[in-house]
Amino acid sequence: MDQQQQRLHLNALLSKDYSSDKTLSASEQELLIEYQTLLRNLTLLNEEISQLTATPTNKILGSLRALESKTSLVFTLLRSSLYSLFFQNEPSYEQDEIHQQEDIYQNEYDY
């Protein structure tokens, strides 16, 4: 079978309504409907795989490299933001310690 005949055969299988066929039992109808669903899903999967294999490998690798560099940039920005927040809060801890030491020093000489 060539591709044209395969497509015609596939369309015929997918378009047939087995639920209204009186010559089939209920279980046969259900089974054929499930086969239709399976065929439809496999056809879609085949089309997706064909599109993926048609995409050049270099293009995919280029996209992945760009994504990797963006991810690295986001990680660096996040890390620098966390360091910035940490160092902004650190002086307040040091000032609190200085004030506590001054209070202790004053209390010692107040007696």
PDB file of N, CA and C in Angstrom:
ATOM      1  N   MET A   1       0.835  -1.192   0.000  1.00  0.00           N
ATOM      2  CA  MET A   1       0.000   0.000   0.000  1.00  0.00           C
ATOM      3  C   MET A   1       0.872   1.246   0.000  1.00  0.00           C
ATOM      4  N   ASP A   2       0.543   2.171  -0.854  1.00  0.00           N
ATOM      5  CA  ASP A   2       1.274   3.422  -0.819  1.00  0.00           C
ATOM      6  C   ASP A   2       0.646   4.363   0.221  1.00  0.00           C
ATOM      7  N   GLN A   3       1.252   5.516   0.409  1.00  0.00           N
ATOM      8  CA  GLN A   3       0.798   6.426   1.469  1.00  0.00           C
ATOM      9  C   GLN A   3      -0.618   6.940   1.231  1.00  0.00           C
ATOM     10  N   GLN A   4      -0.960   7.194   0.007  1.00  0.00           N
ATOM     11  CA  GLN A   4      -2.306   7.690  -0.305  1.00  0.00           C
ATOM     12  C   GLN A   4      -3.358   6.652   0.077  1.00  0.00           C
ATOM     13  N   GLN A   5      -3.109   5.405  -0.269  1.00  0.00           N
ATOM     14  CA  GLN A   5      -4.055   4.340   0.073  1.00  0.00           C
ATOM     15  C   GLN A   5      -4.123   4.139   1.589  1.00  0.00           C
ATOM     16  N   GLN A   6      -2.981   4.260   2.257  1.00  0.00           N
ATOM     17  CA  GLN A   6      -2.970   4.119   3.715  1.00  0.00           C
ATOM     18  C   GLN A   6      -3.810   5.205   4.378  1.00  0.00           C
ATOM     19  N   ARG A   7      -3.678   6.428   3.884  1.00  0.00           N
ATOM     20  CA  ARG A   7      -4.466   7.534   4.448  1.00  0.00           C
ATOM     21  C   ARG A   7      -5.958   7.323   4.225  1.00  0.00           C
ATOM     22  N   LEU A   8      -6.326   6.864   3.029  1.00  0.00           N
ATOM     23  CA  LEU A   8      -7.740   6.602   2.749  1.00  0.00           C
ATOM     24  C   LEU A   8      -8.275   5.500   3.665  1.00  0.00           C
ATOM     25  N   HIS A   9      -7.486   4.448   3.832  1.00  0.00           N
ATOM     26  CA  HIS A   9      -7.880   3.342   4.701  1.00  0.00           C
ATOM     27  C   HIS A   9      -7.995   3.820   6.156  1.00  0.00           C
ATOM     28  N   LEU A  10      -7.055   4.634   6.588  1.00  0.00           N
ATOM     29  CA  LEU A  10      -7.060   5.177   7.947  1.00  0.00           C
ATOM     30  C   LEU A  10      -8.283   6.063   8.175  1.00  0.00           C
ATOM     31  N   ASN A  11      -8.569   6.928   7.214  1.00  0.00           N
ATOM     32  CA  ASN A  11      -9.745   7.799   7.339  1.00  0.00           C
ATOM     33  C   ASN A  11     -11.037   6.994   7.380  1.00  0.00           C
ATOM     34  N   ALA A  12     -11.095   5.927   6.597  1.00  0.00           N
ATOM     35  CA  ALA A  12     -12.289   5.074   6.605  1.00  0.00           C
ATOM     36  C   ALA A  12     -12.467   4.412   7.960  1.00  0.00           C
ATOM     37  N   LEU A  13     -11.370   3.942   8.546  1.00  0.00           N
ATOM     38  CA  LEU A  13     -11.450   3.303   9.864  1.00  0.00           C
ATOM     39  C   LEU A  13     -11.848   4.298  10.957  1.00  0.00           C
ATOM     40  N   LEU A  14     -11.328   5.515  10.853  1.00  0.00           N
ATOM     41  CA  LEU A  14     -11.613   6.515  11.885  1.00  0.00           C
ATOM     42  C   LEU A  14     -13.007   7.124  11.753  1.00  0.00           C
ATOM     43  N   SER A  15     -13.543   7.142  10.553  1.00  0.00           N
ATOM     44  CA  SER A  15     -14.838   7.800  10.351  1.00  0.00           C
ATOM     45  C   SER A  15     -16.037   6.864  10.529  1.00  0.00           C
ATOM     46  N   LYS A  16     -15.801   5.572  10.542  1.00  0.00           N
ATOM     47  CA  LYS A  16     -16.917   4.622  10.671  1.00  0.00           C
ATOM     48  C   LYS A  16     -17.510   4.701  12.073  1.00  0.00           C
ATOM     49  N   ASP A  17     -18.840   4.723  12.150  1.00  0.00           N
ATOM     50  CA  ASP A  17     -19.546   4.784  13.434  1.00  0.00           C
ATOM     51  C   ASP A  17     -19.984   3.376  13.822  1.00  0.00           C
ATOM     52  N   TYR A  18     -19.224   2.758  14.712  1.00  0.00           N
ATOM     53  CA  TYR A  18     -19.521   1.385  15.129  1.00  0.00           C
ATOM     54  C   TYR A  18     -20.662   1.323  16.142  1.00  0.00           C
ATOM     55  N   SER A  19     -20.962   2.429  16.785  1.00  0.00           N
ATOM     56  CA  SER A  19     -22.021   2.408  17.804  1.00  0.00           C
ATOM     57  C   SER A  19     -23.411   2.220  17.189  1.00  0.00           C
ATOM     58  N   SER A  20     -23.568   2.550  15.923  1.00  0.00           N
ATOM     59  CA  SER A  20     -24.882   2.396  15.282  1.00  0.00           C
ATOM     60  C   SER A  20     -24.968   1.146  14.392  1.00  0.00           C
ATOM     61  N   ASP A  21     -23.920   0.349  14.371  1.00  0.00           N
ATOM     62  CA  ASP A  21     -23.914  -0.869  13.552  1.00  0.00           C
ATOM     63  C   ASP A  21     -24.705  -1.964  14.271  1.00  0.00           C
ATOM     64  N   LYS A  22     -25.835  -2.380  13.683  1.00  0.00           N
ATOM     65  CA  LYS A  22     -26.735  -3.356  14.318  1.00  0.00           C
ATOM     66  C   LYS A  22     -26.231  -4.793  14.206  1.00  0.00           C
ATOM     67  N   THR A  23     -25.268  -5.021  13.329  1.00  0.00           N
ATOM     68  CA  THR A  23     -24.767  -6.389  13.163  1.00  0.00           C
ATOM     69  C   THR A  23     -23.755  -6.778  14.242  1.00  0.00           C
ATOM     70  N   LEU A  24     -23.339  -5.818  15.054  1.00  0.00           N
ATOM     71  CA  LEU A  24     -22.344  -6.072  16.095  1.00  0.00           C
ATOM     72  C   LEU A  24     -23.002  -6.146  17.468  1.00  0.00           C
ATOM     73  N   SER A  25     -22.457  -6.980  18.324  1.00  0.00           N
ATOM     74  CA  SER A  25     -22.952  -7.023  19.707  1.00  0.00           C
ATOM     75  C   SER A  25     -22.421  -5.790  20.449  1.00  0.00           C
ATOM     76  N   ALA A  26     -22.941  -5.548  21.635  1.00  0.00           N
ATOM     77  CA  ALA A  26     -22.543  -4.374  22.416  1.00  0.00           C
ATOM     78  C   ALA A  26     -21.056  -4.417  22.764  1.00  0.00           C
ATOM     79  N   SER A  27     -20.567  -5.597  23.139  1.00  0.00           N
ATOM     80  CA  SER A  27     -19.144  -5.708  23.491  1.00  0.00           C
ATOM     81  C   SER A  27     -18.249  -5.519  22.259  1.00  0.00           C
ATOM     82  N   GLU A  28     -18.703  -5.999  21.098  1.00  0.00           N
ATOM     83  CA  GLU A  28     -17.936  -5.790  19.869  1.00  0.00           C
ATOM     84  C   GLU A  28     -17.897  -4.305  19.506  1.00  0.00           C
ATOM     85  N   GLN A  29     -19.033  -3.630  19.674  1.00  0.00           N
ATOM     86  CA  GLN A  29     -19.073  -2.192  19.406  1.00  0.00           C
ATOM     87  C   GLN A  29     -18.104  -1.437  20.315  1.00  0.00           C
ATOM     88  N   GLU A  30     -18.134  -1.756  21.610  1.00  0.00           N
ATOM     89  CA  GLU A  30     -17.231  -1.093  22.557  1.00  0.00           C
ATOM     90  C   GLU A  30     -15.772  -1.348  22.198  1.00  0.00           C
ATOM     91  N   LEU A  31     -15.473  -2.591  21.844  1.00  0.00           N
ATOM     92  CA  LEU A  31     -14.100  -2.948  21.493  1.00  0.00           C
ATOM     93  C   LEU A  31     -13.638  -2.182  20.252  1.00  0.00           C
ATOM     94  N   LEU A  32     -14.475  -2.123  19.231  1.00  0.00           N
ATOM     95  CA  LEU A  32     -14.099  -1.415  18.005  1.00  0.00           C
ATOM     96  C   LEU A  32     -13.976   0.091  18.238  1.00  0.00           C
ATOM     97  N   ILE A  33     -14.813   0.634  19.094  1.00  0.00           N
ATOM     98  CA  ILE A  33     -14.708   2.062  19.431  1.00  0.00           C
ATOM     99  C   ILE A  33     -13.394   2.333  20.165  1.00  0.00           C
ATOM    100  N   GLU A  34     -13.015   1.432  21.072  1.00  0.00           N
ATOM    101  CA  GLU A  34     -11.731   1.577  21.776  1.00  0.00           C
ATOM    102  C   GLU A  34     -10.566   1.475  20.796  1.00  0.00           C
ATOM    103  N   TYR A  35     -10.676   0.562  19.835  1.00  0.00           N
ATOM    104  CA  TYR A  35      -9.635   0.453  18.810  1.00  0.00           C
ATOM    105  C   TYR A  35      -9.542   1.742  17.987  1.00  0.00           C
ATOM    106  N   GLN A  36     -10.679   2.347  17.687  1.00  0.00           N
ATOM    107  CA  GLN A  36     -10.678   3.623  16.971  1.00  0.00           C
ATOM    108  C   GLN A  36      -9.953   4.695  17.783  1.00  0.00           C
ATOM    109  N   THR A  37     -10.250   4.753  19.076  1.00  0.00           N
ATOM    110  CA  THR A  37      -9.601   5.733  19.946  1.00  0.00           C
ATOM    111  C   THR A  37      -8.097   5.493  19.986  1.00  0.00           C
ATOM    112  N   LEU A  38      -7.713   4.228  20.108  1.00  0.00           N
ATOM    113  CA  LEU A  38      -6.297   3.878  20.117  1.00  0.00           C
ATOM    114  C   LEU A  38      -5.631   4.271  18.799  1.00  0.00           C
ATOM    115  N   LEU A  39      -6.286   3.988  17.693  1.00  0.00           N
ATOM    116  CA  LEU A  39      -5.751   4.339  16.377  1.00  0.00           C
ATOM    117  C   LEU A  39      -5.592   5.852  16.244  1.00  0.00           C
ATOM    118  N   ARG A  40      -6.580   6.598  16.710  1.00  0.00           N
ATOM    119  CA  ARG A  40      -6.530   8.060  16.656  1.00  0.00           C
ATOM    120  C   ARG A  40      -5.335   8.578  17.480  1.00  0.00           C
ATOM    121  N   ASN A  41      -5.163   8.031  18.689  1.00  0.00           N
ATOM    122  CA  ASN A  41      -4.058   8.464  19.550  1.00  0.00           C
ATOM    123  C   ASN A  41      -2.698   8.091  18.964  1.00  0.00           C
ATOM    124  N   LEU A  42      -2.603   6.891  18.393  1.00  0.00           N
ATOM    125  CA  LEU A  42      -1.341   6.483  17.772  1.00  0.00           C
ATOM    126  C   LEU A  42      -1.020   7.335  16.545  1.00  0.00           C
ATOM    127  N   THR A  43      -2.043   7.724  15.808  1.00  0.00           N
ATOM    128  CA  THR A  43      -1.835   8.592  14.648  1.00  0.00           C
ATOM    129  C   THR A  43      -1.311   9.953  15.091  1.00  0.00           C
ATOM    130  N   LEU A  44      -1.904  10.502  16.152  1.00  0.00           N
ATOM    131  CA  LEU A  44      -1.426  11.784  16.680  1.00  0.00           C
ATOM    132  C   LEU A  44       0.010  11.672  17.188  1.00  0.00           C
ATOM    133  N   LEU A  45       0.300  10.577  17.875  1.00  0.00           N
ATOM    134  CA  LEU A  45       1.655  10.351  18.374  1.00  0.00           C
ATOM    135  C   LEU A  45       2.645  10.244  17.218  1.00  0.00           C
ATOM    136  N   ASN A  46       2.263   9.546  16.170  1.00  0.00           N
ATOM    137  CA  ASN A  46       3.122   9.412  14.992  1.00  0.00           C
ATOM    138  C   ASN A  46       3.403  10.773  14.357  1.00  0.00           C
ATOM    139  N   GLU A  47       2.386  11.620  14.278  1.00  0.00           N
ATOM    140  CA  GLU A  47       2.569  12.957  13.709  1.00  0.00           C
ATOM    141  C   GLU A  47       3.522  13.790  14.566  1.00  0.00           C
ATOM    142  N   GLU A  48       3.366  13.714  15.899  1.00  0.00           N
ATOM    143  CA  GLU A  48       4.255  14.453  16.802  1.00  0.00           C
ATOM    144  C   GLU A  48       5.697  13.978  16.662  1.00  0.00           C
ATOM    145  N   ILE A  49       5.884  12.680  16.611  1.00  0.00           N
ATOM    146  CA  ILE A  49       7.237  12.130  16.465  1.00  0.00           C
ATOM    147  C   ILE A  49       7.836  12.544  15.127  1.00  0.00           C
ATOM    148  N   SER A  50       7.026  12.556  14.089  1.00  0.00           N
ATOM    149  CA  SER A  50       7.513  12.981  12.769  1.00  0.00           C
ATOM    150  C   SER A  50       7.961  14.433  12.804  1.00  0.00           C
ATOM    151  N   GLN A  51       7.203  15.282  13.494  1.00  0.00           N
ATOM    152  CA  GLN A  51       7.590  16.692  13.609  1.00  0.00           C
ATOM    153  C   GLN A  51       8.884  16.843  14.403  1.00  0.00           C
ATOM    154  N   LEU A  52       9.018  16.066  15.476  1.00  0.00           N
ATOM    155  CA  LEU A  52      10.230  16.152  16.294  1.00  0.00           C
ATOM    156  C   LEU A  52      11.462  15.672  15.539  1.00  0.00           C
ATOM    157  N   THR A  53      11.301  14.612  14.772  1.00  0.00           N
ATOM    158  CA  THR A  53      12.452  14.101  14.026  1.00  0.00           C
ATOM    159  C   THR A  53      12.794  14.992  12.839  1.00  0.00           C
ATOM    160  N   ALA A  54      11.839  15.778  12.384  1.00  0.00           N
ATOM    161  CA  ALA A  54      12.100  16.683  11.270  1.00  0.00           C
ATOM    162  C   ALA A  54      12.869  17.922  11.729  1.00  0.00           C
ATOM    163  N   THR A  55      12.797  18.246  13.030  1.00  0.00           N
ATOM    164  CA  THR A  55      13.510  19.403  13.557  1.00  0.00           C
ATOM    165  C   THR A  55      15.004  19.090  13.607  1.00  0.00           C
ATOM    166  N   PRO A  56      15.818  19.974  13.065  1.00  0.00           N
ATOM    167  CA  PRO A  56      17.263  19.711  13.073  1.00  0.00           C
ATOM    168  C   PRO A  56      17.817  19.637  14.505  1.00  0.00           C
ATOM    169  N   THR A  57      18.747  18.729  14.704  1.00  0.00           N
ATOM    170  CA  THR A  57      19.348  18.534  16.022  1.00  0.00           C
ATOM    171  C   THR A  57      20.064  19.793  16.492  1.00  0.00           C
ATOM    172  N   ASN A  58      20.715  20.492  15.576  1.00  0.00           N
ATOM    173  CA  ASN A  58      21.428  21.715  15.951  1.00  0.00           C
ATOM    174  C   ASN A  58      20.470  22.770  16.493  1.00  0.00           C
ATOM    175  N   LYS A  59      19.291  22.840  15.917  1.00  0.00           N
ATOM    176  CA  LYS A  59      18.305  23.816  16.385  1.00  0.00           C
ATOM    177  C   LYS A  59      17.852  23.465  17.804  1.00  0.00           C
ATOM    178  N   ILE A  60      17.617  22.185  18.056  1.00  0.00           N
ATOM    179  CA  ILE A  60      17.209  21.752  19.394  1.00  0.00           C
ATOM    180  C   ILE A  60      18.321  22.039  20.395  1.00  0.00           C
ATOM    181  N   LEU A  61      19.567  21.717  20.027  1.00  0.00           N
ATOM    182  CA  LEU A  61      20.700  21.975  20.918  1.00  0.00           C
ATOM    183  C   LEU A  61      20.867  23.462  21.190  1.00  0.00           C
ATOM    184  N   GLY A  62      20.670  24.275  20.176  1.00  0.00           N
ATOM    185  CA  GLY A  62      20.749  25.727  20.367  1.00  0.00           C
ATOM    186  C   GLY A  62      19.696  26.218  21.342  1.00  0.00           C
ATOM    187  N   SER A  63      18.500  25.682  21.222  1.00  0.00           N
ATOM    188  CA  SER A  63      17.426  26.059  22.147  1.00  0.00           C
ATOM    189  C   SER A  63      17.755  25.625  23.570  1.00  0.00           C
ATOM    190  N   LEU A  64      18.307  24.431  23.707  1.00  0.00           N
ATOM    191  CA  LEU A  64      18.678  23.947  25.040  1.00  0.00           C
ATOM    192  C   LEU A  64      19.813  24.770  25.639  1.00  0.00           C
ATOM    193  N   ARG A  65      20.770  25.188  24.831  1.00  0.00           N
ATOM    194  CA  ARG A  65      21.864  26.034  25.331  1.00  0.00           C
ATOM    195  C   ARG A  65      21.330  27.380  25.797  1.00  0.00           C
ATOM    196  N   ALA A  66      20.416  27.953  25.030  1.00  0.00           N
ATOM    197  CA  ALA A  66      19.820  29.230  25.434  1.00  0.00           C
ATOM    198  C   ALA A  66      19.057  29.073  26.744  1.00  0.00           C
ATOM    199  N   LEU A  67      18.328  27.988  26.867  1.00  0.00           N
ATOM    200  CA  LEU A  67      17.591  27.726  28.103  1.00  0.00           C
ATOM    201  C   LEU A  67      18.548  27.542  29.276  1.00  0.00           C
ATOM    202  N   GLU A  68      19.646  26.842  29.050  1.00  0.00           N
ATOM    203  CA  GLU A  68      20.633  26.622  30.110  1.00  0.00           C
ATOM    204  C   GLU A  68      21.242  27.944  30.569  1.00  0.00           C
ATOM    205  N   SER A  69      21.568  28.826  29.643  1.00  0.00           N
ATOM    206  CA  SER A  69      22.162  30.108  30.029  1.00  0.00           C
ATOM    207  C   SER A  69      21.154  30.975  30.774  1.00  0.00           C
ATOM    208  N   LYS A  70      19.889  30.934  30.369  1.00  0.00           N
ATOM    209  CA  LYS A  70      18.861  31.693  31.092  1.00  0.00           C
ATOM    210  C   LYS A  70      18.677  31.149  32.498  1.00  0.00           C
ATOM    211  N   THR A  71      18.693  29.831  32.625  1.00  0.00           N
ATOM    212  CA  THR A  71      18.553  29.214  33.944  1.00  0.00           C
ATOM    213  C   THR A  71      19.730  29.594  34.830  1.00  0.00           C
ATOM    214  N   SER A  72      20.920  29.591  34.278  1.00  0.00           N
ATOM    215  CA  SER A  72      22.112  29.977  35.027  1.00  0.00           C
ATOM    216  C   SER A  72      22.024  31.432  35.470  1.00  0.00           C
ATOM    217  N   LEU A  73      21.536  32.286  34.591  1.00  0.00           N
ATOM    218  CA  LEU A  73      21.384  33.701  34.929  1.00  0.00           C
ATOM    219  C   LEU A  73      20.379  33.886  36.064  1.00  0.00           C
ATOM    220  N   VAL A  74      19.267  33.188  36.000  1.00  0.00           N
ATOM    221  CA  VAL A  74      18.258  33.278  37.060  1.00  0.00           C
ATOM    222  C   VAL A  74      18.842  32.795  38.381  1.00  0.00           C
ATOM    223  N   PHE A  75      19.610  31.708  38.354  1.00  0.00           N
ATOM    224  CA  PHE A  75      20.235  31.194  39.571  1.00  0.00           C
ATOM    225  C   PHE A  75      21.195  32.226  40.158  1.00  0.00           C
ATOM    226  N   THR A  76      22.006  32.853  39.310  1.00  0.00           N
ATOM    227  CA  THR A  76      22.957  33.858  39.781  1.00  0.00           C
ATOM    228  C   THR A  76      22.233  35.055  40.378  1.00  0.00           C
ATOM    229  N   LEU A  77      21.179  35.514  39.729  1.00  0.00           N
ATOM    230  CA  LEU A  77      20.416  36.649  40.259  1.00  0.00           C
ATOM    231  C   LEU A  77      19.761  36.313  41.593  1.00  0.00           C
ATOM    232  N   LEU A  78      19.231  35.119  41.708  1.00  0.00           N
ATOM    233  CA  LEU A  78      18.616  34.697  42.960  1.00  0.00           C
ATOM    234  C   LEU A  78      19.654  34.630  44.071  1.00  0.00           C
ATOM    235  N   ARG A  79      20.798  34.064  43.773  1.00  0.00           N
ATOM    236  CA  ARG A  79      21.855  33.947  44.777  1.00  0.00           C
ATOM    237  C   ARG A  79      22.341  35.324  45.215  1.00  0.00           C
ATOM    238  N   SER A  80      22.527  36.246  44.267  1.00  0.00           N
ATOM    239  CA  SER A  80      22.981  37.589  44.639  1.00  0.00           C
ATOM    240  C   SER A  80      21.918  38.321  45.449  1.00  0.00           C
ATOM    241  N   SER A  81      20.655  38.094  45.146  1.00  0.00           N
ATOM    242  CA  SER A  81      19.582  38.716  45.933  1.00  0.00           C
ATOM    243  C   SER A  81      19.586  38.197  47.358  1.00  0.00           C
ATOM    244  N   LEU A  82      19.799  36.908  47.520  1.00  0.00           N
ATOM    245  CA  LEU A  82      19.848  36.339  48.868  1.00  0.00           C
ATOM    246  C   LEU A  82      21.045  36.868  49.642  1.00  0.00           C
ATOM    247  N   TYR A  83      22.206  36.966  49.004  1.00  0.00           N
ATOM    248  CA  TYR A  83      23.378  37.532  49.674  1.00  0.00           C
ATOM    249  C   TYR A  83      23.123  38.984  50.057  1.00  0.00           C
ATOM    250  N   SER A  84      22.499  39.726  49.167  1.00  0.00           N
ATOM    251  CA  SER A  84      22.195  41.127  49.450  1.00  0.00           C
ATOM    252  C   SER A  84      21.284  41.250  50.667  1.00  0.00           C
ATOM    253  N   LEU A  85      20.246  40.433  50.711  1.00  0.00           N
ATOM    254  CA  LEU A  85      19.346  40.463  51.873  1.00  0.00           C
ATOM    255  C   LEU A  85      20.078  40.073  53.148  1.00  0.00           C
ATOM    256  N   PHE A  86      20.936  39.100  53.053  1.00  0.00           N
ATOM    257  CA  PHE A  86      21.691  38.654  54.224  1.00  0.00           C
ATOM    258  C   PHE A  86      22.593  39.771  54.744  1.00  0.00           C
ATOM    259  N   PHE A  87      23.307  40.435  53.839  1.00  0.00           N
ATOM    260  CA  PHE A  87      24.229  41.483  54.269  1.00  0.00           C
ATOM    261  C   PHE A  87      23.505  42.752  54.694  1.00  0.00           C
ATOM    262  N   GLN A  88      22.315  42.994  54.195  1.00  0.00           N
ATOM    263  CA  GLN A  88      21.533  44.145  54.666  1.00  0.00           C
ATOM    264  C   GLN A  88      21.096  43.941  56.108  1.00  0.00           C
ATOM    265  N   ASN A  89      20.792  42.734  56.477  1.00  0.00           N
ATOM    266  CA  ASN A  89      20.345  42.446  57.835  1.00  0.00           C
ATOM    267  C   ASN A  89      21.511  42.273  58.797  1.00  0.00           C
ATOM    268  N   GLU A  90      22.679  41.973  58.313  1.00  0.00           N
ATOM    269  CA  GLU A  90      23.831  41.740  59.185  1.00  0.00           C
ATOM    270  C   GLU A  90      24.241  42.974  59.982  1.00  0.00           C
ATOM    271  N   PRO A  91      24.313  44.187  59.413  1.00  0.00           N
ATOM    272  CA  PRO A  91      24.704  45.353  60.218  1.00  0.00           C
ATOM    273  C   PRO A  91      23.773  45.597  61.407  1.00  0.00           C
ATOM    274  N   SER A  92      22.510  45.304  61.252  1.00  0.00           N
ATOM    275  CA  SER A  92      21.598  45.520  62.377  1.00  0.00           C
ATOM    276  C   SER A  92      21.949  44.592  63.527  1.00  0.00           C
ATOM    277  N   TYR A  93      22.424  43.384  63.227  1.00  0.00           N
ATOM    278  CA  TYR A  93      22.862  42.479  64.287  1.00  0.00           C
ATOM    279  C   TYR A  93      24.107  43.034  64.970  1.00  0.00           C
ATOM    280  N   GLU A  94      25.030  43.556  64.169  1.00  0.00           N
ATOM    281  CA  GLU A  94      26.251  44.121  64.739  1.00  0.00           C
ATOM    282  C   GLU A  94      25.934  45.341  65.595  1.00  0.00           C
ATOM    283  N   GLN A  95      25.020  46.190  65.127  1.00  0.00           N
ATOM    284  CA  GLN A  95      24.655  47.372  65.906  1.00  0.00           C
ATOM    285  C   GLN A  95      23.979  46.978  67.208  1.00  0.00           C
ATOM    286  N   ASP A  96      23.155  45.961  67.170  1.00  0.00           N
ATOM    287  CA  ASP A  96      22.525  45.480  68.403  1.00  0.00           C
ATOM    288  C   ASP A  96      23.579  45.007  69.392  1.00  0.00           C
ATOM    289  N   GLU A  97      24.593  44.310  68.897  1.00  0.00           N
ATOM    290  CA  GLU A  97      25.663  43.837  69.775  1.00  0.00           C
ATOM    291  C   GLU A  97      26.440  45.013  70.354  1.00  0.00           C
ATOM    292  N   ILE A  98      26.705  46.018  69.531  1.00  0.00           N
ATOM    293  CA  ILE A  98      27.432  47.204  70.008  1.00  0.00           C
ATOM    294  C   ILE A  98      26.627  47.908  71.092  1.00  0.00           C
ATOM    295  N   HIS A  99      25.317  48.073  70.870  1.00  0.00           N
ATOM    296  CA  HIS A  99      24.463  48.717  71.874  1.00  0.00           C
ATOM    297  C   HIS A  99      24.436  47.908  73.161  1.00  0.00           C
ATOM    298  N   GLN A 100      24.399  46.609  73.056  1.00  0.00           N
ATOM    299  CA  GLN A 100      24.394  45.767  74.254  1.00  0.00           C
ATOM    300  C   GLN A 100      25.712  45.911  75.008  1.00  0.00           C
ATOM    301  N   GLN A 101      26.812  45.959  74.273  1.00  0.00           N
ATOM    302  CA  GLN A 101      28.111  46.111  74.926  1.00  0.00           C
ATOM    303  C   GLN A 101      28.225  47.482  75.587  1.00  0.00           C
ATOM    304  N   GLU A 102      27.692  48.523  74.921  1.00  0.00           N
ATOM    305  CA  GLU A 102      27.710  49.860  75.521  1.00  0.00           C
ATOM    306  C   GLU A 102      26.874  49.896  76.788  1.00  0.00           C
ATOM    307  N   ASP A 103      25.721  49.239  76.757  1.00  0.00           N
ATOM    308  CA  ASP A 103      24.871  49.187  77.950  1.00  0.00           C
ATOM    309  C   ASP A 103      25.583  48.476  79.087  1.00  0.00           C
ATOM    310  N   ILE A 104      26.263  47.402  78.788  1.00  0.00           N
ATOM    311  CA  ILE A 104      27.007  46.663  79.814  1.00  0.00           C
ATOM    312  C   ILE A 104      28.127  47.545  80.367  1.00  0.00           C
ATOM    313  N   TYR A 105      28.819  48.246  79.497  1.00  0.00           N
ATOM    314  CA  TYR A 105      29.918  49.114  79.913  1.00  0.00           C
ATOM    315  C   TYR A 105      29.403  50.229  80.816  1.00  0.00           C
ATOM    316  N   GLN A 106      28.275  50.850  80.430  1.00  0.00           N
ATOM    317  CA  GLN A 106      27.706  51.922  81.250  1.00  0.00           C
ATOM    318  C   GLN A 106      27.218  51.393  82.588  1.00  0.00           C
ATOM    319  N   ASN A 107      26.619  50.227  82.590  1.00  0.00           N
ATOM    320  CA  ASN A 107      26.127  49.650  83.838  1.00  0.00           C
ATOM    321  C   ASN A 107      27.279  49.337  84.794  1.00  0.00           C
ATOM    322  N   GLU A 108      28.429  48.949  84.262  1.00  0.00           N
ATOM    323  CA  GLU A 108      29.573  48.649  85.114  1.00  0.00           C
ATOM    324  C   GLU A 108      30.102  49.912  85.786  1.00  0.00           C
ATOM    325  N   TYR A 109      30.081  51.038  85.090  1.00  0.00           N
ATOM    326  CA  TYR A 109      30.649  52.265  85.640  1.00  0.00           C
ATOM    327  C   TYR A 109      29.619  53.112  86.363  1.00  0.00           C
ATOM    328  N   ASP A 110      28.366  52.724  86.315  1.00  0.00           N
ATOM    329  CA  ASP A 110      27.346  53.459  87.054  1.00  0.00           C
ATOM    330  C   ASP A 110      27.438  53.173  88.543  1.00  0.00           C
ATOM    331  N   TYR A 111      28.040  52.107  88.951  1.00  0.00           N
ATOM    332  CA  TYR A 111      28.115  51.747  90.366  1.00  0.00           C
ATOM    333  C   TYR A 111      29.158  52.515  91.011  1.00  0.00           C
TER     334      TYR A 111
END
